[in-house]
Each structure stands twice: as C-alpha cells, then as structure tokens.
C-alpha cells in the first residue's frame, strides 16, 4: 500500500530583490510504499533539500500535491500543521538537533510532552525503544556527555517514540565517524525490518546502499531510480556509484 504520494510537484522561489524566479523542483513524482526504505540522492543544488522540506510540511509546493495516507499536506491548516508533523512524521537530522539543557531522556520525551501524554505513558514508550537502540543506560546523561553516535541514537529514539507513519532522515550519517555510521545504518535496517517506513536524503553512497530503492534527482526532477532487489550491499553500492557517475557526466539513464 502506498503511504506517500508525490505528484507533479513544482517549486518556484522568487528572490527578494529583483523578483528573479528560481525553479528548485520541476516535476517530481514518486510513491513510497508502506514499510519501504528509500534513499534520495543528487548533486548539491539538485532540489533534494527543497523536496525534503515539502515532504516535511515545512514548505508548500508551487503546484502539484504531496499526500501522506491520502491526506493532502497543502490542505492542512497552518494552526494544525505542527501537530500533524509531530503525530505523523519522525525527523532525524545531520546535526542531531538535541537540546543541551535537556537530558537524552527529556529530549526523547519532548514530542510526547508537546502532545500531552502523561508521564506513565511516556515511560512505557521509551523503555523498549531505548533498549532497542542501546541507549537505556545513557538516558540521564546530557548531549554534551555522550558521543556523536550516541546523540544520533537518541535523535532516532525521539523520531520513533510517536510511532510515526514516516521517518524523514536528512543526511543522518553526515556528522558521524565511520564506526558510528555503520552502527546507525544497522539500526535503520532493523527499524525498517520492523515495519517502519524510512525516506532518507543523503550524499553517502554507503548510506544509500542500505536502502531498498534509490531515487536520483537531477535538475529538479526524479531522473532515475534503482532497486536493490536481490543485490548484495556491495553490489548495490556499485550500482549507485555507477549511476552517480553517469549523472555527473551527463550520460543517459538506463
């Protein structure tokens, strides 16, 4: 079943001075199935960040539609949009976006506090997630007391605790060393195997090779896509590398 439907999305920005128009997205269409793990790749300036902002309901398309569970995001009232994001979407950022004055536990609880959950409800939800992510012993620590990998695990826990329909990950391995990157990608794989739908924007071929499908954006539209299928991680890595080379050299997609 399709959980996310992106149909003919176009985004045009008008610059503040001079009124020049910049077309960030031209004609983006794709769907994401429930339980799928999709990576989006493309060169800087290709429109990835603009697309992610629209999928996160942080921005609206100039034309076209984005539907999550058949709900048109552009039709949600401004007064309801923050609650919609909190209840339906989980976010994992490159820079973690944790509050230094909050313990890891309180950072993870934050979406539940904002949605009015009781302390008992929050405690019940955090225990299995913290154990799954290997941070149960770190919950009372503050972000500045733990490693980058542990911070990102806390950020993943915060994203998961609301049982989101979709996790949006923006360069989630970008600030991590190679060991922490490997650990996070293994965790994403387990989370996805448990049924969580994940959409990840990344420059990293290694990160993308863990997904089941990769969409390549070029000049503001989905230019090509490849599926993992029966490929091993190494084989899929090579396919992704070859496709990026083809895109960079102006070759035709196959």
Protein backbone atom coordinates (compact mmCIF):
# COMPACT_ATOMS: atom_id res chain seq x y z
CA UNK A 1 0.00 0.00 0.00
CA UNK A 2 1.29 3.45 -0.92
CA UNK A 3 1.82 5.63 2.15
CA UNK A 4 3.34 8.68 0.42
CA UNK A 5 2.28 10.01 -2.97
CA UNK A 6 4.18 12.86 -4.60
CA UNK A 7 2.52 14.01 -7.81
CA UNK A 8 3.93 16.56 -10.29
CA UNK A 9 5.46 18.74 -7.57
CA UNK A 10 6.95 22.02 -8.76
CA UNK A 11 8.58 24.66 -6.57
CA UNK A 12 9.49 28.14 -7.75
CA UNK A 13 11.12 30.67 -5.45
CA UNK A 14 11.04 34.38 -6.14
CA UNK A 15 14.16 36.17 -4.94
CA UNK A 16 13.63 39.05 -2.55
CA UNK A 17 15.47 41.63 -4.67
CA UNK A 18 14.74 41.97 -8.35
CA UNK A 19 11.95 39.42 -8.42
CA UNK A 20 14.00 36.77 -10.20
CA UNK A 21 12.49 33.31 -10.16
CA UNK A 22 14.41 30.16 -9.29
CA UNK A 23 12.85 26.81 -10.13
CA UNK A 24 14.03 24.40 -7.45
CA UNK A 25 11.75 21.49 -8.42
CA UNK A 26 10.43 20.97 -11.93
CA UNK A 27 8.18 17.92 -11.97
CA UNK A 28 8.72 15.46 -9.13
CA UNK A 29 6.51 12.38 -8.96
CA UNK A 30 7.02 9.16 -6.99
CA UNK A 31 5.34 6.97 -4.40
CA UNK A 32 6.65 5.27 -1.28
CA UNK A 33 5.10 2.01 -0.16
CA UNK A 34 4.38 1.27 3.49
CA UNK A 35 7.44 -0.37 5.06
CA UNK A 36 9.78 0.75 2.27
CA UNK A 37 13.26 2.20 2.82
CA UNK A 38 14.01 4.82 0.17
CA UNK A 39 17.10 6.97 -0.29
CA UNK A 40 17.16 10.19 -2.31
CA UNK A 41 20.44 11.28 -3.89
CA UNK A 42 21.60 14.06 -6.16
CA UNK A 43 24.25 16.74 -6.51
CA UNK A 44 24.14 19.92 -4.40
CA UNK A 45 21.51 22.21 -5.85
CA UNK A 46 19.53 19.37 -7.39
CA UNK A 47 16.47 20.08 -5.22
CA UNK A 48 16.83 17.41 -2.51
CA UNK A 49 16.54 19.80 0.43
CA UNK A 50 13.61 21.64 -1.12
CA UNK A 51 11.85 18.33 -1.67
CA UNK A 52 12.51 17.20 1.90
CA UNK A 53 11.10 20.48 3.26
CA UNK A 54 7.93 19.97 1.23
CA UNK A 55 7.58 16.34 2.38
CA UNK A 56 8.05 17.54 5.97
CA UNK A 57 5.24 20.10 5.51
CA UNK A 58 7.76 22.87 6.24
CA UNK A 59 7.16 24.34 2.79
CA UNK A 60 4.41 24.13 0.19
CA UNK A 61 4.81 23.31 -3.50
CA UNK A 62 4.04 25.93 -6.11
CA UNK A 63 1.97 23.26 -7.83
CA UNK A 64 1.40 19.52 -7.52
CA UNK A 65 0.44 17.53 -4.45
CA UNK A 66 2.01 15.57 -1.61
CA UNK A 67 -0.27 13.09 0.16
CA UNK A 68 0.54 11.16 3.32
CA UNK A 69 -2.05 8.45 3.95
CA UNK A 70 -4.24 10.16 1.33
CA UNK A 71 -4.11 13.48 3.21
CA UNK A 72 -3.02 16.44 1.06
CA UNK A 73 -0.36 18.23 3.12
CA UNK A 74 -1.03 21.59 1.46
CA UNK A 75 -4.64 21.47 2.67
CA UNK A 76 -3.74 21.23 6.36
CA UNK A 77 -4.48 24.44 8.27
CA UNK A 78 -1.48 26.43 9.48
CA UNK A 79 -2.79 26.08 13.03
CA UNK A 80 -2.78 22.28 12.71
CA UNK A 81 0.46 21.71 10.80
CA UNK A 82 2.84 21.48 13.80
CA UNK A 83 0.63 18.86 15.46
CA UNK A 84 0.35 16.95 12.18
CA UNK A 85 4.14 16.82 11.80
CA UNK A 86 4.58 15.76 15.43
CA UNK A 87 1.98 12.98 15.21
CA UNK A 88 2.73 11.57 11.74
CA UNK A 89 6.38 12.29 10.93
CA UNK A 90 9.65 11.47 12.66
CA UNK A 91 12.76 13.51 11.90
CA UNK A 92 16.44 12.57 12.07
CA UNK A 93 18.86 15.40 11.28
CA UNK A 94 22.57 15.55 10.48
CA UNK A 95 23.30 17.77 13.49
CA UNK A 96 21.06 15.78 15.89
CA UNK A 97 19.07 18.88 17.00
CA UNK A 98 19.14 17.87 20.65
CA UNK A 99 18.70 20.44 23.42
CA UNK A 100 21.87 20.61 25.55
CA UNK A 101 19.95 21.68 28.66
CA UNK A 102 17.79 18.53 28.48
CA UNK A 103 18.92 15.00 29.30
CA UNK A 104 18.71 12.46 26.49
CA UNK A 105 15.57 11.12 28.15
CA UNK A 106 13.89 14.54 28.16
CA UNK A 107 14.95 15.17 24.55
CA UNK A 108 13.32 11.90 23.53
CA UNK A 109 10.20 12.68 25.55
CA UNK A 110 9.75 16.13 24.01
CA UNK A 111 7.29 15.19 21.19
CA UNK A 112 5.17 13.28 23.72
CA UNK A 113 5.19 16.20 26.17
CA UNK A 114 4.03 18.51 23.38
CA UNK A 115 1.21 16.11 22.50
CA UNK A 116 0.02 15.97 26.13
CA UNK A 117 0.99 12.41 27.10
CA UNK A 118 1.17 11.51 30.79
CA UNK A 119 4.50 10.59 32.48
CA UNK A 120 3.30 6.98 32.76
CA UNK A 121 2.54 6.81 29.04
CA UNK A 122 5.93 8.31 28.18
CA UNK A 123 7.82 5.90 30.44
CA UNK A 124 6.03 2.95 28.86
CA UNK A 125 7.03 4.06 25.36
CA UNK A 126 10.67 4.97 25.99
CA UNK A 127 11.83 1.71 27.60
CA UNK A 128 11.56 -0.64 24.58
CA UNK A 129 12.93 2.00 22.18
CA UNK A 130 15.91 2.85 24.39
CA UNK A 131 16.72 -0.86 24.77
CA UNK A 132 16.39 -1.47 21.03
CA UNK A 133 18.77 1.44 20.29
CA UNK A 134 21.25 0.54 23.03
CA UNK A 135 20.94 3.79 24.98
CA UNK A 136 18.95 2.64 28.05
CA UNK A 137 21.96 3.29 30.32
CA UNK A 138 22.53 6.77 28.87
CA UNK A 139 19.09 8.33 29.33
CA UNK A 140 20.06 10.52 32.32
CA UNK A 141 23.14 11.90 30.55
CA UNK A 142 23.18 15.18 28.65
CA UNK A 143 24.07 15.51 24.95
CA UNK A 144 27.50 17.01 25.73
CA UNK A 145 28.33 13.93 27.83
CA UNK A 146 27.91 11.36 25.03
CA UNK A 147 29.43 10.62 21.63
CA UNK A 148 28.08 11.70 18.27
CA UNK A 149 26.82 8.20 17.57
CA UNK A 150 25.00 8.09 20.90
CA UNK A 151 23.47 11.51 20.22
CA UNK A 152 22.17 10.25 16.89
CA UNK A 153 20.69 7.18 18.55
CA UNK A 154 18.84 9.50 20.93
CA UNK A 155 17.64 11.51 17.94
CA UNK A 156 16.38 8.30 16.31
CA UNK A 157 14.60 7.38 19.55
CA UNK A 158 12.94 10.81 19.57
CA UNK A 159 11.81 10.23 15.97
CA UNK A 160 10.40 6.77 16.76
CA UNK A 161 8.63 7.50 20.04
CA UNK A 162 5.49 8.92 18.41
CA UNK A 163 5.05 5.82 16.20
CA UNK A 164 5.33 7.97 13.05
CA UNK A 165 3.92 6.88 9.73
CA UNK A 166 7.12 8.06 8.04
CA UNK A 167 10.65 8.84 9.19
CA UNK A 168 12.40 11.59 7.23
CA UNK A 169 16.17 11.46 7.64
CA UNK A 170 18.31 14.36 6.40
CA UNK A 171 21.96 13.29 5.96
CA UNK A 172 21.72 11.21 9.18
CA UNK A 173 25.31 9.94 8.92
CA UNK A 174 26.82 13.28 7.88
CA UNK A 175 28.27 14.17 11.30
CA UNK A 176 29.30 10.64 12.32
CA UNK A 177 32.59 8.76 12.15
CA UNK A 178 32.74 5.51 10.18
CA UNK A 179 32.05 3.25 13.16
CA UNK A 180 29.04 5.30 14.32
CA UNK A 181 27.82 5.43 10.72
CA UNK A 182 27.91 1.62 10.49
CA UNK A 183 26.02 1.31 13.79
CA UNK A 184 23.35 3.81 12.73
CA UNK A 185 22.82 2.16 9.35
CA UNK A 186 22.43 -1.23 11.05
CA UNK A 187 19.84 0.32 13.35
CA UNK A 188 17.97 1.85 10.42
CA UNK A 189 17.92 -1.59 8.81
CA UNK A 190 16.45 -3.19 11.95
CA UNK A 191 13.88 -0.41 12.34
CA UNK A 192 12.84 -0.85 8.73
CA UNK A 193 12.62 -4.64 9.14
CA UNK A 194 10.20 -3.97 12.00
CA UNK A 195 7.92 -2.21 9.51
CA UNK A 196 8.96 1.44 9.81
CA UNK A 197 8.87 3.40 6.54
CA UNK A 198 12.02 5.48 6.04
CA UNK A 199 12.86 8.19 3.49
CA UNK A 200 16.47 9.35 3.68
CA UNK A 201 18.21 12.19 1.85
CA UNK A 202 21.94 11.51 1.65
CA UNK A 203 25.16 12.23 -0.23
CA UNK A 204 26.63 8.99 1.12
CA UNK A 205 26.73 6.03 -1.26
CA UNK A 206 27.34 3.82 1.76
CA UNK A 207 24.18 5.05 3.49
CA UNK A 208 22.11 4.77 0.31
CA UNK A 209 23.32 1.20 -0.27
CA UNK A 210 21.38 0.14 2.83
CA UNK A 211 18.06 1.28 1.32
CA UNK A 212 15.79 -0.87 -0.82
CA UNK A 213 15.43 1.81 -3.51
CA UNK A 214 17.35 4.92 -4.51
CA UNK A 215 15.81 7.91 -6.30
CA UNK A 216 18.22 10.21 -8.14
CA UNK A 217 17.23 13.86 -8.50
CA UNK A 218 18.74 15.98 -11.24
CA UNK A 219 17.71 19.47 -12.34
CA UNK A 220 14.68 19.43 -10.06
CA UNK A 221 13.11 16.14 -11.06
CA UNK A 222 13.43 12.42 -10.44
CA UNK A 223 15.83 11.48 -13.21
CA UNK A 224 16.32 7.80 -12.44
CA UNK A 225 15.74 5.17 -9.77
CA UNK A 226 17.23 1.79 -8.96
CA UNK A 227 16.03 -1.04 -6.76
CA UNK A 228 18.20 -3.24 -4.60
CA UNK A 229 16.28 -6.39 -5.49
CA UNK A 230 18.47 -9.42 -4.85
CA UNK A 231 21.71 -7.38 -4.94
CA UNK A 232 24.10 -7.61 -2.02
CA UNK A 233 25.01 -4.42 -0.19
CA UNK A 234 28.32 -4.26 -2.09
CA UNK A 235 26.63 -4.86 -5.44
CA UNK A 236 24.04 -2.17 -4.74
CA UNK A 237 26.83 0.19 -3.64
CA UNK A 238 28.48 -0.29 -7.04
CA UNK A 239 25.20 0.27 -8.90
CA UNK A 240 24.66 3.52 -7.01
CA UNK A 241 28.24 4.68 -7.69
CA UNK A 242 27.86 3.90 -11.39
CA UNK A 243 24.58 5.79 -11.58
CA UNK A 244 26.04 8.87 -9.85
CA UNK A 245 28.96 8.83 -12.29
CA UNK A 246 26.53 8.60 -15.19
CA UNK A 247 24.54 11.56 -13.86
CA UNK A 248 27.66 13.65 -13.29
CA UNK A 249 28.99 13.00 -16.80
CA UNK A 250 25.65 13.62 -18.49
CA UNK A 251 25.10 10.02 -19.55
CA UNK A 252 21.68 8.62 -20.35
CA UNK A 253 19.90 6.67 -17.63
CA UNK A 254 19.24 3.04 -18.32
